């Protein structure tokens, strides 16, 4: 089994062909959607996008992860131990770590992965 997880910032479904948009704006995404799983009902647990992504991969609301905003301490994961040792209690329980524990090879191509060492 292979998983391609696309998390695209500021992409609206009403501008994608796979969701009924009349212009040919997304032929490659439309092909992926036709052959894979497409979600029609998805609700954001946290906003803005950084807390939403942290919630998505951790399964925890922002009030539990500590990521409640985009900048400063509002964008920091709650870390265990003294001195902000760059390890979070979620580092072994994220979606990505679950994949790795099941034998998947994982890679991330985005600035989000570099922003927080917990990911």
C-alpha atoms as a PDB file:
ATOM      1  CA  UNK A   1       0.000   0.000   0.000  1.00  0.00           C
ATOM      2  CA  UNK A   2       1.168   3.519  -0.765  1.00  0.00           C
ATOM      3  CA  UNK A   3      -0.105   6.722   0.756  1.00  0.00           C
ATOM      4  CA  UNK A   4       0.212  10.131  -0.837  1.00  0.00           C
ATOM      5  CA  UNK A   5      -0.973  12.707   1.662  1.00  0.00           C
ATOM      6  CA  UNK A   6      -1.479  16.154   0.119  1.00  0.00           C
ATOM      7  CA  UNK A   7      -1.944  19.102   2.439  1.00  0.00           C
ATOM      8  CA  UNK A   8      -2.239  22.168   0.237  1.00  0.00           C
ATOM      9  CA  UNK A   9      -2.436  25.611   1.784  1.00  0.00           C
ATOM     10  CA  UNK A  10      -5.238  27.942   0.654  1.00  0.00           C
ATOM     11  CA  UNK A  11      -6.623  25.512  -1.917  1.00  0.00           C
ATOM     12  CA  UNK A  12     -10.386  25.794  -2.207  1.00  0.00           C
ATOM     13  CA  UNK A  13     -12.471  22.813  -3.302  1.00  0.00           C
ATOM     14  CA  UNK A  14     -14.794  25.052  -5.302  1.00  0.00           C
ATOM     15  CA  UNK A  15     -11.865  25.681  -7.691  1.00  0.00           C
ATOM     16  CA  UNK A  16     -11.049  22.014  -8.306  1.00  0.00           C
ATOM     17  CA  UNK A  17     -12.502  19.918 -11.102  1.00  0.00           C
ATOM     18  CA  UNK A  18     -12.897  16.883  -8.813  1.00  0.00           C
ATOM     19  CA  UNK A  19     -15.374  18.940  -6.769  1.00  0.00           C
ATOM     20  CA  UNK A  20     -17.285  20.176  -9.805  1.00  0.00           C
ATOM     21  CA  UNK A  21     -15.456  23.337 -10.870  1.00  0.00           C
ATOM     22  CA  UNK A  22     -16.134  23.991 -14.563  1.00  0.00           C
ATOM     23  CA  UNK A  23     -12.646  25.232 -15.561  1.00  0.00           C
ATOM     24  CA  UNK A  24      -9.722  22.867 -16.094  1.00  0.00           C
ATOM     25  CA  UNK A  25      -7.615  24.235 -13.228  1.00  0.00           C
ATOM     26  CA  UNK A  26      -6.473  21.009 -11.579  1.00  0.00           C
ATOM     27  CA  UNK A  27      -6.033  18.082 -13.996  1.00  0.00           C
ATOM     28  CA  UNK A  28      -3.396  16.270 -11.910  1.00  0.00           C
ATOM     29  CA  UNK A  29      -5.247  16.672  -8.628  1.00  0.00           C
ATOM     30  CA  UNK A  30      -8.429  15.539 -10.392  1.00  0.00           C
ATOM     31  CA  UNK A  31      -6.683  12.336 -11.557  1.00  0.00           C
ATOM     32  CA  UNK A  32      -5.373  11.622  -8.071  1.00  0.00           C
ATOM     33  CA  UNK A  33      -8.860  12.191  -6.635  1.00  0.00           C
ATOM     34  CA  UNK A  34     -10.424   9.867  -9.212  1.00  0.00           C
ATOM     35  CA  UNK A  35      -8.056   7.019  -8.309  1.00  0.00           C
ATOM     36  CA  UNK A  36      -7.803   7.548  -4.554  1.00  0.00           C
ATOM     37  CA  UNK A  37      -9.811   8.684  -1.569  1.00  0.00           C
ATOM     38  CA  UNK A  38     -11.406  12.115  -1.721  1.00  0.00           C
ATOM     39  CA  UNK A  39     -12.992  13.637   1.365  1.00  0.00           C
ATOM     40  CA  UNK A  40     -16.229  15.523   0.805  1.00  0.00           C
ATOM     41  CA  UNK A  41     -16.868  16.546   4.421  1.00  0.00           C
ATOM     42  CA  UNK A  42     -13.907  17.808   6.372  1.00  0.00           C
ATOM     43  CA  UNK A  43     -14.073  20.200   9.280  1.00  0.00           C
ATOM     44  CA  UNK A  44     -11.180  22.108  10.771  1.00  0.00           C
ATOM     45  CA  UNK A  45     -10.686  21.538  14.496  1.00  0.00           C
ATOM     46  CA  UNK A  46      -8.350  24.493  14.927  1.00  0.00           C
ATOM     47  CA  UNK A  47      -7.531  27.666  13.035  1.00  0.00           C
ATOM     48  CA  UNK A  48      -5.356  29.167  11.581  1.00  0.00           C
ATOM     49  CA  UNK A  49      -3.550  26.565   9.484  1.00  0.00           C
ATOM     50  CA  UNK A  50      -0.544  25.780  11.719  1.00  0.00           C
ATOM     51  CA  UNK A  51      -2.714  24.688  14.675  1.00  0.00           C
ATOM     52  CA  UNK A  52      -4.990  22.832  12.237  1.00  0.00           C
ATOM     53  CA  UNK A  53      -2.031  20.877  10.831  1.00  0.00           C
ATOM     54  CA  UNK A  54      -0.727  20.086  14.308  1.00  0.00           C
ATOM     55  CA  UNK A  55      -4.197  18.789  15.228  1.00  0.00           C
ATOM     56  CA  UNK A  56      -4.417  16.769  12.019  1.00  0.00           C
ATOM     57  CA  UNK A  57      -1.169  14.868  12.549  1.00  0.00           C
ATOM     58  CA  UNK A  58      -1.401  14.544  16.339  1.00  0.00           C
ATOM     59  CA  UNK A  59      -5.108  13.833  16.758  1.00  0.00           C
ATOM     60  CA  UNK A  60      -5.201  16.491  19.481  1.00  0.00           C
ATOM     61  CA  UNK A  61      -6.872  19.885  19.689  1.00  0.00           C
ATOM     62  CA  UNK A  62      -4.597  22.936  19.825  1.00  0.00           C
ATOM     63  CA  UNK A  63      -5.396  23.473  23.485  1.00  0.00           C
ATOM     64  CA  UNK A  64      -3.738  20.089  24.119  1.00  0.00           C
ATOM     65  CA  UNK A  65      -0.784  20.369  21.709  1.00  0.00           C
ATOM     66  CA  UNK A  66      -0.005  23.958  22.682  1.00  0.00           C
ATOM     67  CA  UNK A  67      -0.079  25.118  19.050  1.00  0.00           C
ATOM     68  CA  UNK A  68      -2.776  27.778  19.001  1.00  0.00           C
ATOM     69  CA  UNK A  69      -1.353  30.382  16.626  1.00  0.00           C
ATOM     70  CA  UNK A  70       1.246  31.109  13.956  1.00  0.00           C
ATOM     71  CA  UNK A  71       3.999  32.915  15.825  1.00  0.00           C
ATOM     72  CA  UNK A  72       5.971  33.068  19.032  1.00  0.00           C
ATOM     73  CA  UNK A  73       5.026  30.749  21.874  1.00  0.00           C
ATOM     74  CA  UNK A  74       1.537  30.357  20.378  1.00  0.00           C
ATOM     75  CA  UNK A  75       3.163  28.233  17.654  1.00  0.00           C
ATOM     76  CA  UNK A  76       5.211  26.023  19.987  1.00  0.00           C
ATOM     77  CA  UNK A  77       4.349  22.459  20.871  1.00  0.00           C
ATOM     78  CA  UNK A  78       4.117  21.764  24.591  1.00  0.00           C
ATOM     79  CA  UNK A  79       7.427  20.138  25.369  1.00  0.00           C
ATOM     80  CA  UNK A  80       8.238  17.619  28.071  1.00  0.00           C
ATOM     81  CA  UNK A  81      11.036  18.077  30.551  1.00  0.00           C
ATOM     82  CA  UNK A  82      13.112  21.075  31.436  1.00  0.00           C
ATOM     83  CA  UNK A  83      14.795  23.480  29.071  1.00  0.00           C
ATOM     84  CA  UNK A  84      12.676  22.926  25.964  1.00  0.00           C
ATOM     85  CA  UNK A  85      14.608  19.881  24.864  1.00  0.00           C
ATOM     86  CA  UNK A  86      12.892  19.851  21.473  1.00  0.00           C
ATOM     87  CA  UNK A  87      10.945  16.693  22.236  1.00  0.00           C
ATOM     88  CA  UNK A  88       7.227  16.705  22.625  1.00  0.00           C
ATOM     89  CA  UNK A  89       4.935  14.116  24.094  1.00  0.00           C
ATOM     90  CA  UNK A  90       3.451  13.801  20.610  1.00  0.00           C
ATOM     91  CA  UNK A  91       6.715  13.032  18.810  1.00  0.00           C
ATOM     92  CA  UNK A  92       6.079   9.271  18.917  1.00  0.00           C
ATOM     93  CA  UNK A  93       2.317   9.475  18.464  1.00  0.00           C
ATOM     94  CA  UNK A  94       1.854  11.480  15.288  1.00  0.00           C
ATOM     95  CA  UNK A  95       0.326  10.224  12.072  1.00  0.00           C
ATOM     96  CA  UNK A  96       3.810  10.103  10.545  1.00  0.00           C
ATOM     97  CA  UNK A  97       5.290   8.066  13.408  1.00  0.00           C
ATOM     98  CA  UNK A  98       2.358   5.661  13.200  1.00  0.00           C
ATOM     99  CA  UNK A  99       3.199   5.115   9.540  1.00  0.00           C
ATOM    100  CA  UNK A 100       6.872   4.559  10.385  1.00  0.00           C
ATOM    101  CA  UNK A 101       6.031   2.067  13.148  1.00  0.00           C
ATOM    102  CA  UNK A 102       4.002   0.108  10.591  1.00  0.00           C
ATOM    103  CA  UNK A 103       6.993  -0.075   8.236  1.00  0.00           C
ATOM    104  CA  UNK A 104       6.195   2.798   5.895  1.00  0.00           C
ATOM    105  CA  UNK A 105       8.941   5.062   4.619  1.00  0.00           C
ATOM    106  CA  UNK A 106       7.852   8.644   5.176  1.00  0.00           C
ATOM    107  CA  UNK A 107       8.963  11.965   3.754  1.00  0.00           C
ATOM    108  CA  UNK A 108       7.630  15.479   4.018  1.00  0.00           C
ATOM    109  CA  UNK A 109       8.195  18.307   1.585  1.00  0.00           C
ATOM    110  CA  UNK A 110       7.066  21.546   3.173  1.00  0.00           C
ATOM    111  CA  UNK A 111       8.222  24.289   5.530  1.00  0.00           C
ATOM    112  CA  UNK A 112       5.941  22.988   8.312  1.00  0.00           C
ATOM    113  CA  UNK A 113       8.100  19.933   8.937  1.00  0.00           C
ATOM    114  CA  UNK A 114      11.171  22.096   9.516  1.00  0.00           C
ATOM    115  CA  UNK A 115       9.398  24.561  11.758  1.00  0.00           C
ATOM    116  CA  UNK A 116       8.858  22.219  14.682  1.00  0.00           C
ATOM    117  CA  UNK A 117      11.398  19.638  15.708  1.00  0.00           C
ATOM    118  CA  UNK A 118       8.614  17.511  17.155  1.00  0.00           C
ATOM    119  CA  UNK A 119       7.559  16.651  13.619  1.00  0.00           C
END
